[in-house]
Amino acid sequence: MAEKKNLPDEKWNAIVNNDSSYDGEFYYAVKTTGIFCRPSCKSRVPNKENVLIFQTAEQALGGKFRPCKRCKPNGLRLPDEDWVTQIKEFIDCSYSESLTLDKLADMCHGSPYHLQRTFKKAEGITPIEYIQKKRIAAAAQFLELTDQSIREIGLAVGIPNTAHFATLFKKRTGYTPTKYRQIKRENS
Protein backbone atom coordinates (compact mmCIF):
# COMPACT_ATOMS: atom_id res chain seq x y z
CA MET A 1 0.00 0.00 0.00
CA ALA A 2 1.29 3.47 -0.87
CA GLU A 3 1.99 6.08 1.78
CA LYS A 4 -0.28 8.94 0.75
CA LYS A 5 -0.04 11.28 3.71
CA ASN A 6 2.93 13.39 4.69
CA LEU A 7 5.96 12.01 2.92
CA PRO A 8 8.53 11.41 5.72
CA ASP A 9 11.50 13.79 5.56
CA GLU A 10 13.92 10.87 5.70
CA LYS A 11 12.48 9.33 2.52
CA TRP A 12 12.13 12.69 0.77
CA ASN A 13 15.78 13.47 1.52
CA ALA A 14 16.78 10.05 0.16
CA ILE A 15 14.97 10.87 -3.10
CA VAL A 16 16.38 14.39 -3.40
CA ASN A 17 19.92 13.19 -2.66
CA ASN A 18 19.68 10.01 -4.81
CA ASP A 19 20.70 8.00 -1.75
CA SER A 20 21.48 4.44 -2.87
CA SER A 21 21.54 3.19 0.73
CA TYR A 22 17.70 3.30 0.61
CA ASP A 23 17.43 1.21 -2.58
CA GLY A 24 15.31 -1.85 -1.85
CA GLU A 25 13.83 -0.27 1.28
CA PHE A 26 11.20 1.67 -0.64
CA TYR A 27 10.24 2.86 -4.12
CA TYR A 28 8.75 6.18 -5.05
CA ALA A 29 6.18 6.83 -7.74
CA VAL A 30 5.34 10.13 -9.37
CA LYS A 31 1.63 10.65 -9.98
CA THR A 32 2.13 13.08 -12.88
CA THR A 33 4.40 10.78 -14.91
CA GLY A 34 3.00 7.38 -13.87
CA ILE A 35 6.55 6.09 -13.25
CA PHE A 36 8.17 4.58 -10.18
CA CYS A 37 11.85 4.66 -9.27
CA ARG A 38 14.46 3.65 -6.75
CA PRO A 39 15.51 6.36 -4.29
CA SER A 40 18.91 6.54 -6.05
CA CYS A 41 17.41 7.39 -9.46
CA LYS A 42 19.18 10.32 -11.10
CA SER A 43 15.98 11.59 -12.74
CA ARG A 44 14.75 15.11 -12.11
CA VAL A 45 13.47 15.62 -8.58
CA PRO A 46 9.66 15.50 -8.68
CA ASN A 47 7.32 17.85 -6.85
CA LYS A 48 6.94 16.47 -3.36
CA GLU A 49 3.13 16.58 -3.49
CA ASN A 50 3.15 14.25 -6.52
CA VAL A 51 5.18 11.49 -4.80
CA LEU A 52 3.79 8.24 -3.44
CA ILE A 53 5.92 5.75 -1.50
CA PHE A 54 5.68 1.98 -1.97
CA GLN A 55 7.45 -0.70 0.06
CA THR A 56 7.90 -3.00 -2.95
CA ALA A 57 8.15 -2.69 -6.72
CA GLU A 58 5.22 -5.06 -7.01
CA GLN A 59 3.03 -2.68 -5.00
CA ALA A 60 3.99 0.16 -7.35
CA LEU A 61 3.13 -2.02 -10.35
CA GLY A 62 -0.16 -2.90 -8.67
CA GLY A 63 -0.80 0.83 -8.30
CA LYS A 64 -0.60 1.10 -12.11
CA PHE A 65 2.84 2.76 -12.13
CA ARG A 66 5.44 1.82 -14.75
CA PRO A 67 9.11 1.10 -13.99
CA CYS A 68 11.62 3.82 -14.77
CA LYS A 69 13.73 3.33 -17.91
CA ARG A 70 16.68 4.98 -16.20
CA CYS A 71 17.00 3.15 -12.85
CA LYS A 72 15.12 -0.09 -13.73
CA PRO A 73 13.73 -0.79 -10.23
CA ASN A 74 14.20 -4.49 -9.32
CA GLY A 75 15.46 -5.10 -12.85
CA LEU A 76 12.02 -4.29 -14.25
CA ARG A 77 12.00 -2.59 -17.61
CA LEU A 78 9.23 -0.75 -19.38
CA PRO A 79 8.75 -2.15 -22.91
CA ASP A 80 9.78 0.33 -25.62
CA GLU A 81 6.24 0.51 -27.05
CA ASP A 82 4.82 1.43 -23.65
CA TRP A 83 7.58 3.99 -23.15
CA VAL A 84 6.83 5.63 -26.51
CA THR A 85 3.12 5.70 -25.60
CA GLN A 86 4.03 7.39 -22.33
CA ILE A 87 6.17 9.97 -24.18
CA LYS A 88 3.36 10.68 -26.63
CA GLU A 89 0.87 11.10 -23.77
CA PHE A 90 3.23 13.56 -22.10
CA ILE A 91 3.64 15.52 -25.36
CA ASP A 92 -0.13 15.47 -25.99
CA CYS A 93 -0.69 17.10 -22.59
CA SER A 94 2.32 19.45 -22.68
CA TYR A 95 2.86 20.44 -26.32
CA SER A 96 2.26 24.13 -25.53
CA GLU A 97 5.21 24.17 -23.12
CA SER A 98 8.84 24.56 -24.09
CA LEU A 99 9.83 20.98 -24.93
CA THR A 100 13.29 19.80 -25.86
CA LEU A 101 14.67 16.33 -26.30
CA ASP A 102 16.55 16.72 -23.01
CA LYS A 103 13.39 17.77 -21.17
CA LEU A 104 11.40 14.86 -22.64
CA ALA A 105 14.14 12.41 -21.69
CA ASP A 106 14.24 13.82 -18.18
CA MET A 107 10.46 13.72 -17.72
CA CYS A 108 10.20 10.23 -19.16
CA HIS A 109 13.28 8.86 -17.37
CA GLY A 110 15.62 8.01 -20.20
CA SER A 111 18.54 9.38 -22.16
CA PRO A 112 17.96 11.82 -25.04
CA TYR A 113 19.79 9.54 -27.48
CA HIS A 114 17.80 6.44 -26.53
CA LEU A 115 14.53 8.38 -26.54
CA GLN A 116 15.19 9.79 -30.03
CA ARG A 117 16.17 6.41 -31.47
CA THR A 118 13.36 4.44 -29.79
CA PHE A 119 10.66 6.99 -30.63
CA LYS A 120 11.70 7.21 -34.29
CA LYS A 121 11.83 3.42 -34.59
CA ALA A 122 8.32 3.07 -33.14
CA GLU A 123 6.63 6.09 -34.76
CA GLY A 124 8.62 6.74 -37.93
CA ILE A 125 9.21 10.36 -36.90
CA THR A 126 11.32 12.05 -34.24
CA PRO A 127 9.84 13.34 -30.98
CA ILE A 128 10.40 16.93 -32.18
CA GLU A 129 8.51 16.19 -35.41
CA TYR A 130 5.69 14.70 -33.32
CA ILE A 131 5.60 17.86 -31.16
CA GLN A 132 5.45 20.06 -34.28
CA LYS A 133 2.68 17.91 -35.77
CA LYS A 134 0.70 18.21 -32.52
CA ARG A 135 1.24 21.98 -32.35
CA ILE A 136 0.20 22.56 -35.96
CA ALA A 137 -2.95 20.43 -35.53
CA ALA A 138 -3.88 22.45 -32.45
CA ALA A 139 -3.12 25.71 -34.27
CA ALA A 140 -5.37 24.65 -37.16
CA GLN A 141 -8.22 24.12 -34.69
CA PHE A 142 -7.62 27.53 -33.11
CA LEU A 143 -7.63 29.14 -36.56
CA GLU A 144 -10.92 27.46 -37.46
CA LEU A 145 -12.74 27.94 -34.16
CA THR A 146 -11.47 31.21 -32.68
CA ASP A 147 -10.77 34.80 -33.63
CA GLN A 148 -7.46 34.82 -31.79
CA SER A 149 -4.60 36.57 -33.55
CA ILE A 150 -1.86 34.57 -35.24
CA ARG A 151 0.52 35.67 -32.47
CA GLU A 152 -1.90 34.50 -29.74
CA ILE A 153 -2.34 31.14 -31.44
CA GLY A 154 1.42 30.70 -31.81
CA LEU A 155 1.84 31.38 -28.10
CA ALA A 156 -1.03 29.02 -27.21
CA VAL A 157 0.56 26.11 -29.08
CA GLY A 158 4.09 26.67 -27.79
CA ILE A 159 5.66 28.57 -30.70
CA PRO A 160 6.17 32.11 -29.34
CA ASN A 161 8.04 33.46 -32.39
CA THR A 162 5.25 34.53 -34.78
CA ALA A 163 7.43 34.43 -37.90
CA HIS A 164 8.67 30.93 -37.04
CA PHE A 165 5.11 29.82 -36.30
CA ALA A 166 3.85 31.12 -39.68
CA THR A 167 6.77 29.51 -41.54
CA LEU A 168 6.31 26.15 -39.81
CA PHE A 169 2.54 26.25 -40.31
CA LYS A 170 2.95 26.92 -44.04
CA LYS A 171 5.60 24.20 -44.35
CA ARG A 172 3.26 21.65 -42.72
CA THR A 173 -0.07 22.68 -44.28
CA GLY A 174 0.85 24.48 -47.49
CA TYR A 175 -0.92 27.65 -46.29
CA THR A 176 -0.06 30.63 -44.17
CA PRO A 177 -2.14 30.74 -40.98
CA THR A 178 -4.15 33.68 -42.36
CA LYS A 179 -4.89 31.92 -45.66
CA TYR A 180 -5.76 28.68 -43.84
CA ARG A 181 -8.28 30.53 -41.64
CA GLN A 182 -9.75 32.28 -44.69
CA ILE A 183 -10.19 29.03 -46.64
CA LYS A 184 -11.71 27.18 -43.69
CA ARG A 185 -14.20 29.97 -43.02
CA GLU A 186 -15.19 30.20 -46.68
CA ASN A 187 -15.86 26.45 -46.72
CA SER A 188 -17.95 26.48 -43.54
C-alpha atoms as a PDB file:
ATOM      1  CA  MET A   1       0.000   0.000   0.000  1.00  0.00           C
ATOM      2  CA  ALA A   2       1.293   3.471  -0.867  1.00  0.00           C
ATOM      3  CA  GLU A   3       1.986   6.077   1.776  1.00  0.00           C
ATOM      4  CA  LYS A   4      -0.276   8.943   0.751  1.00  0.00           C
ATOM      5  CA  LYS A   5      -0.038  11.279   3.706  1.00  0.00           C
ATOM      6  CA  ASN A   6       2.932  13.393   4.685  1.00  0.00           C
ATOM      7  CA  LEU A   7       5.964  12.010   2.918  1.00  0.00           C
ATOM      8  CA  PRO A   8       8.526  11.414   5.716  1.00  0.00           C
ATOM      9  CA  ASP A   9      11.496  13.793   5.557  1.00  0.00           C
ATOM     10  CA  GLU A  10      13.921  10.867   5.695  1.00  0.00           C
ATOM     11  CA  LYS A  11      12.477   9.332   2.522  1.00  0.00           C
ATOM     12  CA  TRP A  12      12.128  12.694   0.767  1.00  0.00           C
ATOM     13  CA  ASN A  13      15.781  13.475   1.518  1.00  0.00           C
ATOM     14  CA  ALA A  14      16.784  10.051   0.162  1.00  0.00           C
ATOM     15  CA  ILE A  15      14.970  10.870  -3.098  1.00  0.00           C
ATOM     16  CA  VAL A  16      16.376  14.389  -3.397  1.00  0.00           C
ATOM     17  CA  ASN A  17      19.918  13.192  -2.661  1.00  0.00           C
ATOM     18  CA  ASN A  18      19.681  10.010  -4.806  1.00  0.00           C
ATOM     19  CA  ASP A  19      20.704   7.995  -1.747  1.00  0.00           C
ATOM     20  CA  SER A  20      21.477   4.438  -2.872  1.00  0.00           C
ATOM     21  CA  SER A  21      21.544   3.186   0.735  1.00  0.00           C
ATOM     22  CA  TYR A  22      17.703   3.303   0.606  1.00  0.00           C
ATOM     23  CA  ASP A  23      17.434   1.211  -2.578  1.00  0.00           C
ATOM     24  CA  GLY A  24      15.308  -1.848  -1.854  1.00  0.00           C
ATOM     25  CA  GLU A  25      13.829  -0.271   1.281  1.00  0.00           C
ATOM     26  CA  PHE A  26      11.197   1.670  -0.638  1.00  0.00           C
ATOM     27  CA  TYR A  27      10.242   2.862  -4.121  1.00  0.00           C
ATOM     28  CA  TYR A  28       8.748   6.176  -5.048  1.00  0.00           C
ATOM     29  CA  ALA A  29       6.180   6.834  -7.742  1.00  0.00           C
ATOM     30  CA  VAL A  30       5.341  10.133  -9.366  1.00  0.00           C
ATOM     31  CA  LYS A  31       1.627  10.647  -9.984  1.00  0.00           C
ATOM     32  CA  THR A  32       2.134  13.082 -12.878  1.00  0.00           C
ATOM     33  CA  THR A  33       4.404  10.775 -14.909  1.00  0.00           C
ATOM     34  CA  GLY A  34       3.005   7.382 -13.868  1.00  0.00           C
ATOM     35  CA  ILE A  35       6.547   6.095 -13.249  1.00  0.00           C
ATOM     36  CA  PHE A  36       8.174   4.576 -10.177  1.00  0.00           C
ATOM     37  CA  CYS A  37      11.850   4.657  -9.266  1.00  0.00           C
ATOM     38  CA  ARG A  38      14.460   3.646  -6.750  1.00  0.00           C
ATOM     39  CA  PRO A  39      15.514   6.361  -4.294  1.00  0.00           C
ATOM     40  CA  SER A  40      18.907   6.541  -6.047  1.00  0.00           C
ATOM     41  CA  CYS A  41      17.411   7.387  -9.465  1.00  0.00           C
ATOM     42  CA  LYS A  42      19.179  10.321 -11.104  1.00  0.00           C
ATOM     43  CA  SER A  43      15.978  11.591 -12.745  1.00  0.00           C
ATOM     44  CA  ARG A  44      14.754  15.108 -12.111  1.00  0.00           C
ATOM     45  CA  VAL A  45      13.474  15.621  -8.576  1.00  0.00           C
ATOM     46  CA  PRO A  46       9.656  15.505  -8.677  1.00  0.00           C
ATOM     47  CA  ASN A  47       7.322  17.855  -6.852  1.00  0.00           C
ATOM     48  CA  LYS A  48       6.935  16.472  -3.358  1.00  0.00           C
ATOM     49  CA  GLU A  49       3.125  16.584  -3.488  1.00  0.00           C
ATOM     50  CA  ASN A  50       3.153  14.245  -6.521  1.00  0.00           C
ATOM     51  CA  VAL A  51       5.183  11.494  -4.801  1.00  0.00           C
ATOM     52  CA  LEU A  52       3.788   8.239  -3.443  1.00  0.00           C
ATOM     53  CA  ILE A  53       5.917   5.752  -1.500  1.00  0.00           C
ATOM     54  CA  PHE A  54       5.679   1.978  -1.966  1.00  0.00           C
ATOM     55  CA  GLN A  55       7.451  -0.696   0.059  1.00  0.00           C
ATOM     56  CA  THR A  56       7.902  -2.995  -2.948  1.00  0.00           C
ATOM     57  CA  ALA A  57       8.153  -2.693  -6.716  1.00  0.00           C
ATOM     58  CA  GLU A  58       5.218  -5.065  -7.008  1.00  0.00           C
ATOM     59  CA  GLN A  59       3.033  -2.681  -5.002  1.00  0.00           C
ATOM     60  CA  ALA A  60       3.987   0.163  -7.354  1.00  0.00           C
ATOM     61  CA  LEU A  61       3.134  -2.017 -10.353  1.00  0.00           C
ATOM     62  CA  GLY A  62      -0.165  -2.896  -8.673  1.00  0.00           C
ATOM     63  CA  GLY A  63      -0.799   0.835  -8.295  1.00  0.00           C
ATOM     64  CA  LYS A  64      -0.598   1.103 -12.110  1.00  0.00           C
ATOM     65  CA  PHE A  65       2.839   2.756 -12.133  1.00  0.00           C
ATOM     66  CA  ARG A  66       5.435   1.816 -14.747  1.00  0.00           C
ATOM     67  CA  PRO A  67       9.106   1.096 -13.985  1.00  0.00           C
ATOM     68  CA  CYS A  68      11.624   3.816 -14.766  1.00  0.00           C
ATOM     69  CA  LYS A  69      13.727   3.325 -17.914  1.00  0.00           C
ATOM     70  CA  ARG A  70      16.677   4.980 -16.198  1.00  0.00           C
ATOM     71  CA  CYS A  71      16.997   3.152 -12.847  1.00  0.00           C
ATOM     72  CA  LYS A  72      15.124  -0.092 -13.727  1.00  0.00           C
ATOM     73  CA  PRO A  73      13.732  -0.791 -10.233  1.00  0.00           C
ATOM     74  CA  ASN A  74      14.196  -4.485  -9.318  1.00  0.00           C
ATOM     75  CA  GLY A  75      15.464  -5.098 -12.846  1.00  0.00           C
ATOM     76  CA  LEU A  76      12.024  -4.290 -14.252  1.00  0.00           C
ATOM     77  CA  ARG A  77      11.997  -2.594 -17.605  1.00  0.00           C
ATOM     78  CA  LEU A  78       9.228  -0.748 -19.380  1.00  0.00           C
ATOM     79  CA  PRO A  79       8.751  -2.148 -22.909  1.00  0.00           C
ATOM     80  CA  ASP A  80       9.779   0.327 -25.618  1.00  0.00           C
ATOM     81  CA  GLU A  81       6.240   0.508 -27.047  1.00  0.00           C
ATOM     82  CA  ASP A  82       4.819   1.427 -23.647  1.00  0.00           C
ATOM     83  CA  TRP A  83       7.575   3.991 -23.155  1.00  0.00           C
ATOM     84  CA  VAL A  84       6.826   5.635 -26.508  1.00  0.00           C
ATOM     85  CA  THR A  85       3.117   5.696 -25.602  1.00  0.00           C
ATOM     86  CA  GLN A  86       4.030   7.392 -22.325  1.00  0.00           C
ATOM     87  CA  ILE A  87       6.171   9.965 -24.178  1.00  0.00           C
ATOM     88  CA  LYS A  88       3.355  10.679 -26.634  1.00  0.00           C
ATOM     89  CA  GLU A  89       0.871  11.104 -23.767  1.00  0.00           C
ATOM     90  CA  PHE A  90       3.228  13.561 -22.095  1.00  0.00           C
ATOM     91  CA  ILE A  91       3.638  15.516 -25.360  1.00  0.00           C
ATOM     92  CA  ASP A  92      -0.129  15.474 -25.986  1.00  0.00           C
ATOM     93  CA  CYS A  93      -0.692  17.101 -22.588  1.00  0.00           C
ATOM     94  CA  SER A  94       2.323  19.450 -22.676  1.00  0.00           C
ATOM     95  CA  TYR A  95       2.862  20.444 -26.325  1.00  0.00           C
ATOM     96  CA  SER A  96       2.262  24.125 -25.535  1.00  0.00           C
ATOM     97  CA  GLU A  97       5.210  24.167 -23.119  1.00  0.00           C
ATOM     98  CA  SER A  98       8.844  24.562 -24.086  1.00  0.00           C
ATOM     99  CA  LEU A  99       9.835  20.981 -24.928  1.00  0.00           C
ATOM    100  CA  THR A 100      13.293  19.802 -25.860  1.00  0.00           C
ATOM    101  CA  LEU A 101      14.669  16.326 -26.302  1.00  0.00           C
ATOM    102  CA  ASP A 102      16.549  16.715 -23.005  1.00  0.00           C
ATOM    103  CA  LYS A 103      13.388  17.767 -21.166  1.00  0.00           C
ATOM    104  CA  LEU A 104      11.404  14.864 -22.641  1.00  0.00           C
ATOM    105  CA  ALA A 105      14.136  12.409 -21.693  1.00  0.00           C
ATOM    106  CA  ASP A 106      14.245  13.815 -18.182  1.00  0.00           C
ATOM    107  CA  MET A 107      10.463  13.725 -17.724  1.00  0.00           C
ATOM    108  CA  CYS A 108      10.204  10.226 -19.156  1.00  0.00           C
ATOM    109  CA  HIS A 109      13.282   8.858 -17.370  1.00  0.00           C
ATOM    110  CA  GLY A 110      15.625   8.005 -20.204  1.00  0.00           C
ATOM    111  CA  SER A 111      18.545   9.379 -22.159  1.00  0.00           C
ATOM    112  CA  PRO A 112      17.955  11.817 -25.040  1.00  0.00           C
ATOM    113  CA  TYR A 113      19.794   9.539 -27.482  1.00  0.00           C
ATOM    114  CA  HIS A 114      17.796   6.438 -26.527  1.00  0.00           C
ATOM    115  CA  LEU A 115      14.532   8.381 -26.541  1.00  0.00           C
ATOM    116  CA  GLN A 116      15.194   9.791 -30.033  1.00  0.00           C
ATOM    117  CA  ARG A 117      16.167   6.412 -31.466  1.00  0.00           C
ATOM    118  CA  THR A 118      13.362   4.443 -29.787  1.00  0.00           C
ATOM    119  CA  PHE A 119      10.665   6.990 -30.634  1.00  0.00           C
ATOM    120  CA  LYS A 120      11.697   7.211 -34.294  1.00  0.00           C
ATOM    121  CA  LYS A 121      11.832   3.416 -34.590  1.00  0.00           C
ATOM    122  CA  ALA A 122       8.321   3.072 -33.145  1.00  0.00           C
ATOM    123  CA  GLU A 123       6.629   6.091 -34.757  1.00  0.00           C
ATOM    124  CA  GLY A 124       8.623   6.739 -37.931  1.00  0.00           C
ATOM    125  CA  ILE A 125       9.209  10.357 -36.900  1.00  0.00           C
ATOM    126  CA  THR A 126      11.324  12.052 -34.240  1.00  0.00           C
ATOM    127  CA  PRO A 127       9.843  13.341 -30.983  1.00  0.00           C
ATOM    128  CA  ILE A 128      10.398  16.930 -32.183  1.00  0.00           C
ATOM    129  CA  GLU A 129       8.506  16.194 -35.412  1.00  0.00           C
ATOM    130  CA  TYR A 130       5.693  14.700 -33.323  1.00  0.00           C
ATOM    131  CA  ILE A 131       5.598  17.861 -31.163  1.00  0.00           C
ATOM    132  CA  GLN A 132       5.447  20.055 -34.275  1.00  0.00           C
ATOM    133  CA  LYS A 133       2.682  17.911 -35.766  1.00  0.00           C
ATOM    134  CA  LYS A 134       0.700  18.207 -32.520  1.00  0.00           C
ATOM    135  CA  ARG A 135       1.239  21.985 -32.354  1.00  0.00           C
ATOM    136  CA  ILE A 136       0.201  22.559 -35.962  1.00  0.00           C
ATOM    137  CA  ALA A 137      -2.946  20.425 -35.533  1.00  0.00           C
ATOM    138  CA  ALA A 138      -3.883  22.449 -32.449  1.00  0.00           C
ATOM    139  CA  ALA A 139      -3.125  25.709 -34.274  1.00  0.00           C
ATOM    140  CA  ALA A 140      -5.371  24.648 -37.155  1.00  0.00           C
ATOM    141  CA  GLN A 141      -8.220  24.116 -34.691  1.00  0.00           C
ATOM    142  CA  PHE A 142      -7.621  27.527 -33.114  1.00  0.00           C
ATOM    143  CA  LEU A 143      -7.629  29.136 -36.559  1.00  0.00           C
ATOM    144  CA  GLU A 144     -10.923  27.459 -37.460  1.00  0.00           C
ATOM    145  CA  LEU A 145     -12.739  27.939 -34.163  1.00  0.00           C
ATOM    146  CA  THR A 146     -11.466  31.214 -32.684  1.00  0.00           C
ATOM    147  CA  ASP A 147     -10.769  34.799 -33.629  1.00  0.00           C
ATOM    148  CA  GLN A 148      -7.455  34.816 -31.790  1.00  0.00           C
ATOM    149  CA  SER A 149      -4.603  36.573 -33.554  1.00  0.00           C
ATOM    150  CA  ILE A 150      -1.860  34.572 -35.240  1.00  0.00           C
ATOM    151  CA  ARG A 151       0.516  35.673 -32.471  1.00  0.00           C
ATOM    152  CA  GLU A 152      -1.902  34.503 -29.741  1.00  0.00           C
ATOM    153  CA  ILE A 153      -2.337  31.139 -31.442  1.00  0.00           C
ATOM    154  CA  GLY A 154       1.421  30.703 -31.812  1.00  0.00           C
ATOM    155  CA  LEU A 155       1.843  31.380 -28.099  1.00  0.00           C
ATOM    156  CA  ALA A 156      -1.028  29.023 -27.212  1.00  0.00           C
ATOM    157  CA  VAL A 157       0.558  26.112 -29.083  1.00  0.00           C
ATOM    158  CA  GLY A 158       4.089  26.675 -27.794  1.00  0.00           C
ATOM    159  CA  ILE A 159       5.661  28.571 -30.703  1.00  0.00           C
ATOM    160  CA  PRO A 160       6.168  32.109 -29.343  1.00  0.00           C
ATOM    161  CA  ASN A 161       8.036  33.463 -32.392  1.00  0.00           C
ATOM    162  CA  THR A 162       5.254  34.530 -34.777  1.00  0.00           C
ATOM    163  CA  ALA A 163       7.432  34.427 -37.904  1.00  0.00           C
ATOM    164  CA  HIS A 164       8.669  30.930 -37.040  1.00  0.00           C
ATOM    165  CA  PHE A 165       5.111  29.818 -36.301  1.00  0.00           C
ATOM    166  CA  ALA A 166       3.852  31.120 -39.675  1.00  0.00           C
ATOM    167  CA  THR A 167       6.769  29.514 -41.536  1.00  0.00           C
ATOM    168  CA  LEU A 168       6.309  26.154 -39.809  1.00  0.00           C
ATOM    169  CA  PHE A 169       2.539  26.245 -40.305  1.00  0.00           C
ATOM    170  CA  LYS A 170       2.949  26.920 -44.042  1.00  0.00           C
ATOM    171  CA  LYS A 171       5.599  24.198 -44.348  1.00  0.00           C
ATOM    172  CA  ARG A 172       3.259  21.654 -42.720  1.00  0.00           C
ATOM    173  CA  THR A 173      -0.072  22.677 -44.279  1.00  0.00           C
ATOM    174  CA  GLY A 174       0.851  24.484 -47.493  1.00  0.00           C
ATOM    175  CA  TYR A 175      -0.923  27.646 -46.293  1.00  0.00           C
ATOM    176  CA  THR A 176      -0.061  30.631 -44.169  1.00  0.00           C
ATOM    177  CA  PRO A 177      -2.141  30.740 -40.982  1.00  0.00           C
ATOM    178  CA  THR A 178      -4.151  33.680 -42.359  1.00  0.00           C
ATOM    179  CA  LYS A 179      -4.889  31.922 -45.660  1.00  0.00           C
ATOM    180  CA  TYR A 180      -5.757  28.677 -43.837  1.00  0.00           C
ATOM    181  CA  ARG A 181      -8.285  30.529 -41.643  1.00  0.00           C
ATOM    182  CA  GLN A 182      -9.752  32.281 -44.690  1.00  0.00           C
ATOM    183  CA  ILE A 183     -10.191  29.032 -46.640  1.00  0.00           C
ATOM    184  CA  LYS A 184     -11.712  27.178 -43.685  1.00  0.00           C
ATOM    185  CA  ARG A 185     -14.202  29.968 -43.019  1.00  0.00           C
ATOM    186  CA  GLU A 186     -15.185  30.196 -46.684  1.00  0.00           C
ATOM    187  CA  ASN A 187     -15.859  26.446 -46.721  1.00  0.00           C
ATOM    188  CA  SER A 188     -17.954  26.480 -43.537  1.00  0.00           C
END
